[in-house]
N, C-alpha and C. Protein backbone atom coordinates (compact mmCIF):
# COMPACT_ATOMS: atom_id res chain seq x y z
N UNK A 1 11.00 -9.62 -7.11
CA UNK A 1 9.85 -9.78 -7.98
C UNK A 1 9.85 -8.71 -9.05
N UNK A 2 8.77 -8.62 -9.72
CA UNK A 2 8.64 -7.70 -10.84
C UNK A 2 8.56 -6.25 -10.38
N UNK A 3 9.01 -5.33 -11.25
CA UNK A 3 8.90 -3.91 -10.96
C UNK A 3 7.63 -3.31 -11.56
N UNK A 4 6.74 -4.15 -12.07
CA UNK A 4 5.47 -3.68 -12.60
C UNK A 4 4.57 -3.29 -11.43
N UNK A 5 4.01 -2.08 -11.44
CA UNK A 5 3.14 -1.67 -10.32
C UNK A 5 1.90 -2.56 -10.21
N UNK A 6 1.60 -2.94 -8.96
CA UNK A 6 0.41 -3.74 -8.67
C UNK A 6 -0.41 -3.00 -7.62
N UNK A 7 -1.71 -3.29 -7.52
CA UNK A 7 -2.51 -2.66 -6.46
C UNK A 7 -2.01 -3.12 -5.09
N UNK A 8 -2.06 -2.23 -4.13
CA UNK A 8 -1.62 -2.56 -2.77
C UNK A 8 -2.39 -3.76 -2.22
N UNK A 9 -3.67 -3.89 -2.56
CA UNK A 9 -4.46 -5.00 -2.03
C UNK A 9 -3.99 -6.35 -2.57
N UNK A 10 -3.10 -6.37 -3.57
CA UNK A 10 -2.55 -7.62 -4.09
C UNK A 10 -1.27 -8.04 -3.36
N UNK A 11 -0.73 -7.17 -2.53
CA UNK A 11 0.49 -7.47 -1.79
C UNK A 11 0.17 -8.45 -0.67
N UNK A 12 0.98 -9.48 -0.52
CA UNK A 12 0.74 -10.51 0.48
C UNK A 12 1.27 -10.08 1.84
N UNK A 13 0.72 -10.68 2.89
CA UNK A 13 1.16 -10.41 4.26
C UNK A 13 2.66 -10.64 4.40
N UNK A 14 3.33 -9.76 5.12
CA UNK A 14 4.77 -9.80 5.39
C UNK A 14 5.64 -9.47 4.19
N UNK A 15 5.06 -8.96 3.12
CA UNK A 15 5.84 -8.50 1.98
C UNK A 15 5.98 -6.98 2.07
N UNK A 16 7.07 -6.49 1.50
CA UNK A 16 7.30 -5.05 1.48
C UNK A 16 7.21 -4.56 0.04
N UNK A 17 6.88 -3.31 -0.10
CA UNK A 17 6.80 -2.69 -1.41
C UNK A 17 7.12 -1.22 -1.31
N UNK A 18 7.25 -0.60 -2.46
CA UNK A 18 7.51 0.83 -2.54
C UNK A 18 6.35 1.45 -3.30
N UNK A 19 5.80 2.51 -2.75
CA UNK A 19 4.67 3.16 -3.39
C UNK A 19 5.11 3.75 -4.72
N UNK A 20 4.43 3.38 -5.78
CA UNK A 20 4.72 3.86 -7.12
C UNK A 20 3.85 5.06 -7.46
N UNK A 21 2.55 4.94 -7.24
CA UNK A 21 1.63 6.03 -7.59
C UNK A 21 0.32 5.88 -6.85
N UNK A 22 -0.44 6.97 -6.82
CA UNK A 22 -1.77 7.00 -6.23
C UNK A 22 -2.76 7.34 -7.33
N UNK A 23 -3.83 6.59 -7.41
CA UNK A 23 -4.88 6.84 -8.40
C UNK A 23 -6.08 7.44 -7.67
N UNK A 24 -6.96 8.06 -8.42
CA UNK A 24 -8.16 8.61 -7.81
C UNK A 24 -8.17 10.12 -7.86
N UNK A 25 -9.20 10.68 -7.27
CA UNK A 25 -9.38 12.12 -7.28
C UNK A 25 -8.51 12.84 -6.27
N UNK A 26 -8.61 14.15 -6.29
CA UNK A 26 -7.79 15.00 -5.42
C UNK A 26 -8.05 14.73 -3.94
N UNK A 27 -9.30 14.52 -3.57
CA UNK A 27 -9.62 14.31 -2.15
C UNK A 27 -8.97 13.03 -1.64
N UNK A 28 -9.09 11.95 -2.39
CA UNK A 28 -8.51 10.68 -1.95
C UNK A 28 -6.99 10.74 -1.94
N UNK A 29 -6.38 11.24 -3.00
CA UNK A 29 -4.92 11.27 -3.04
C UNK A 29 -4.36 12.20 -1.96
N UNK A 30 -5.05 13.28 -1.67
CA UNK A 30 -4.63 14.19 -0.60
C UNK A 30 -4.72 13.49 0.77
N UNK A 31 -5.80 12.76 0.99
CA UNK A 31 -5.97 12.04 2.26
C UNK A 31 -4.89 10.99 2.41
N UNK A 32 -4.63 10.22 1.37
CA UNK A 32 -3.59 9.18 1.44
C UNK A 32 -2.21 9.79 1.67
N UNK A 33 -1.92 10.90 1.01
CA UNK A 33 -0.63 11.57 1.21
C UNK A 33 -0.49 12.06 2.65
N UNK A 34 -1.58 12.55 3.22
CA UNK A 34 -1.56 13.00 4.61
C UNK A 34 -1.26 11.85 5.56
N UNK A 35 -1.73 10.65 5.22
CA UNK A 35 -1.47 9.46 6.03
C UNK A 35 -0.06 8.91 5.83
N UNK A 36 0.69 9.44 4.86
CA UNK A 36 2.06 9.00 4.63
C UNK A 36 2.26 8.20 3.37
N UNK A 37 1.20 7.99 2.60
CA UNK A 37 1.30 7.23 1.35
C UNK A 37 1.75 8.16 0.23
N UNK A 38 3.06 8.31 0.08
CA UNK A 38 3.61 9.15 -0.97
C UNK A 38 4.55 8.31 -1.83
N UNK A 39 4.64 8.62 -3.12
CA UNK A 39 5.51 7.85 -4.01
C UNK A 39 6.95 7.77 -3.48
N UNK A 40 7.52 6.57 -3.56
CA UNK A 40 8.88 6.35 -3.08
C UNK A 40 8.96 5.85 -1.65
N UNK A 41 7.84 5.86 -0.94
CA UNK A 41 7.82 5.42 0.45
C UNK A 41 7.68 3.90 0.54
N UNK A 42 8.49 3.30 1.40
CA UNK A 42 8.42 1.85 1.60
C UNK A 42 7.31 1.54 2.59
N UNK A 43 6.64 0.41 2.38
CA UNK A 43 5.61 -0.04 3.31
C UNK A 43 5.68 -1.54 3.46
N UNK A 44 5.08 -2.05 4.52
CA UNK A 44 5.01 -3.48 4.79
C UNK A 44 3.56 -3.88 4.98
N UNK A 45 3.14 -4.94 4.33
CA UNK A 45 1.79 -5.45 4.51
C UNK A 45 1.76 -6.24 5.80
N UNK A 46 0.99 -5.78 6.77
CA UNK A 46 0.91 -6.43 8.07
C UNK A 46 -0.17 -7.51 8.06
N UNK A 47 -1.32 -7.19 7.47
CA UNK A 47 -2.43 -8.14 7.45
C UNK A 47 -3.23 -7.99 6.16
N UNK A 48 -3.38 -9.10 5.45
CA UNK A 48 -4.19 -9.11 4.23
C UNK A 48 -4.79 -10.49 4.08
N UNK A 49 -6.05 -10.63 4.49
CA UNK A 49 -6.74 -11.92 4.42
C UNK A 49 -7.32 -12.19 3.04
N UNK A 50 -7.28 -11.21 2.14
CA UNK A 50 -7.87 -11.38 0.82
C UNK A 50 -9.29 -10.88 0.74
N UNK A 51 -9.84 -10.44 1.87
CA UNK A 51 -11.18 -9.86 1.93
C UNK A 51 -11.19 -8.90 3.13
N UNK A 52 -12.07 -7.95 3.11
CA UNK A 52 -12.16 -6.99 4.22
C UNK A 52 -10.99 -6.03 4.24
N UNK A 53 -10.90 -5.24 5.30
CA UNK A 53 -9.82 -4.25 5.39
C UNK A 53 -8.46 -4.92 5.54
N UNK A 54 -7.41 -4.16 5.21
CA UNK A 54 -6.06 -4.65 5.38
C UNK A 54 -5.28 -3.65 6.23
N UNK A 55 -4.17 -4.11 6.78
CA UNK A 55 -3.35 -3.26 7.63
C UNK A 55 -1.95 -3.19 7.04
N UNK A 56 -1.46 -1.97 6.86
CA UNK A 56 -0.12 -1.76 6.34
C UNK A 56 0.68 -0.90 7.32
N UNK A 57 1.98 -1.08 7.30
CA UNK A 57 2.85 -0.24 8.12
C UNK A 57 3.57 0.72 7.19
N UNK A 58 3.36 2.01 7.42
CA UNK A 58 3.97 3.07 6.63
C UNK A 58 4.59 4.07 7.60
N UNK A 59 5.87 4.35 7.41
CA UNK A 59 6.55 5.34 8.26
C UNK A 59 6.35 5.06 9.76
N UNK A 60 6.58 3.83 10.17
CA UNK A 60 6.47 3.40 11.57
C UNK A 60 5.06 3.53 12.16
N UNK A 61 4.04 3.56 11.31
CA UNK A 61 2.66 3.65 11.76
C UNK A 61 1.83 2.59 11.05
N UNK A 62 1.00 1.88 11.81
CA UNK A 62 0.10 0.90 11.20
C UNK A 62 -1.21 1.59 10.84
N UNK A 63 -1.65 1.37 9.61
CA UNK A 63 -2.85 2.02 9.10
C UNK A 63 -3.76 0.97 8.49
N UNK A 64 -5.04 1.02 8.86
CA UNK A 64 -6.04 0.13 8.27
C UNK A 64 -6.67 0.84 7.08
N UNK A 65 -6.78 0.13 5.97
CA UNK A 65 -7.38 0.67 4.75
C UNK A 65 -8.44 -0.28 4.24
N UNK A 66 -9.48 0.29 3.66
CA UNK A 66 -10.46 -0.51 2.97
C UNK A 66 -9.89 -0.98 1.65
N UNK A 67 -10.49 -2.01 1.09
CA UNK A 67 -9.99 -2.54 -0.18
C UNK A 67 -10.12 -1.55 -1.32
N UNK A 68 -11.15 -0.72 -1.31
CA UNK A 68 -11.31 0.28 -2.36
C UNK A 68 -10.16 1.28 -2.36
N UNK A 69 -9.77 1.72 -1.17
CA UNK A 69 -8.63 2.65 -1.06
C UNK A 69 -7.34 1.95 -1.46
N UNK A 70 -7.14 0.74 -0.97
CA UNK A 70 -5.91 0.00 -1.25
C UNK A 70 -5.77 -0.31 -2.73
N UNK A 71 -6.88 -0.45 -3.42
CA UNK A 71 -6.84 -0.74 -4.85
C UNK A 71 -6.34 0.46 -5.65
N UNK A 72 -6.38 1.65 -5.09
CA UNK A 72 -5.94 2.86 -5.78
C UNK A 72 -4.49 3.23 -5.48
N UNK A 73 -3.82 2.41 -4.68
CA UNK A 73 -2.40 2.62 -4.38
C UNK A 73 -1.62 1.57 -5.15
N UNK A 74 -0.70 2.00 -5.99
CA UNK A 74 0.12 1.08 -6.78
C UNK A 74 1.51 0.99 -6.14
N UNK A 75 1.99 -0.26 -5.99
CA UNK A 75 3.30 -0.50 -5.37
C UNK A 75 4.18 -1.33 -6.30
N UNK A 76 5.49 -1.24 -6.11
CA UNK A 76 6.47 -2.03 -6.88
C UNK A 76 7.45 -2.70 -5.93
N UNK A 77 8.30 -3.52 -6.50
CA UNK A 77 9.41 -4.17 -5.78
C UNK A 77 8.94 -4.90 -4.53
N UNK A 78 7.88 -5.67 -4.64
CA UNK A 78 7.39 -6.43 -3.50
C UNK A 78 8.34 -7.60 -3.22
N UNK A 79 8.88 -7.64 -2.02
CA UNK A 79 9.78 -8.71 -1.61
C UNK A 79 9.46 -9.10 -0.19
N UNK A 80 9.74 -10.34 0.21
CA UNK A 80 9.52 -10.74 1.60
C UNK A 80 10.38 -9.90 2.55
N UNK A 81 9.80 -9.52 3.68
CA UNK A 81 10.56 -8.74 4.66
C UNK A 81 11.50 -9.66 5.41
N UNK A 82 12.55 -9.07 5.98
CA UNK A 82 13.56 -9.86 6.69
C UNK A 82 13.15 -10.14 8.10
């Protein structure tokens, strides 16, 4: 797919992406980095119903995020996982 960064909440279930950037203030970006969301890291969308929280797998850990948080994470190279 495209290499244009999209919000994480736009990634479909079972697709993988690479974190491009984190938006937001210092507190949010620091919290996300502590959870493993750092630029260049691959992640897999485990659950995304299009509403409510979503679940992503980052660094062998499943993490639930609210849509507001997920909207501030930009990802690229979204492709179906094998």
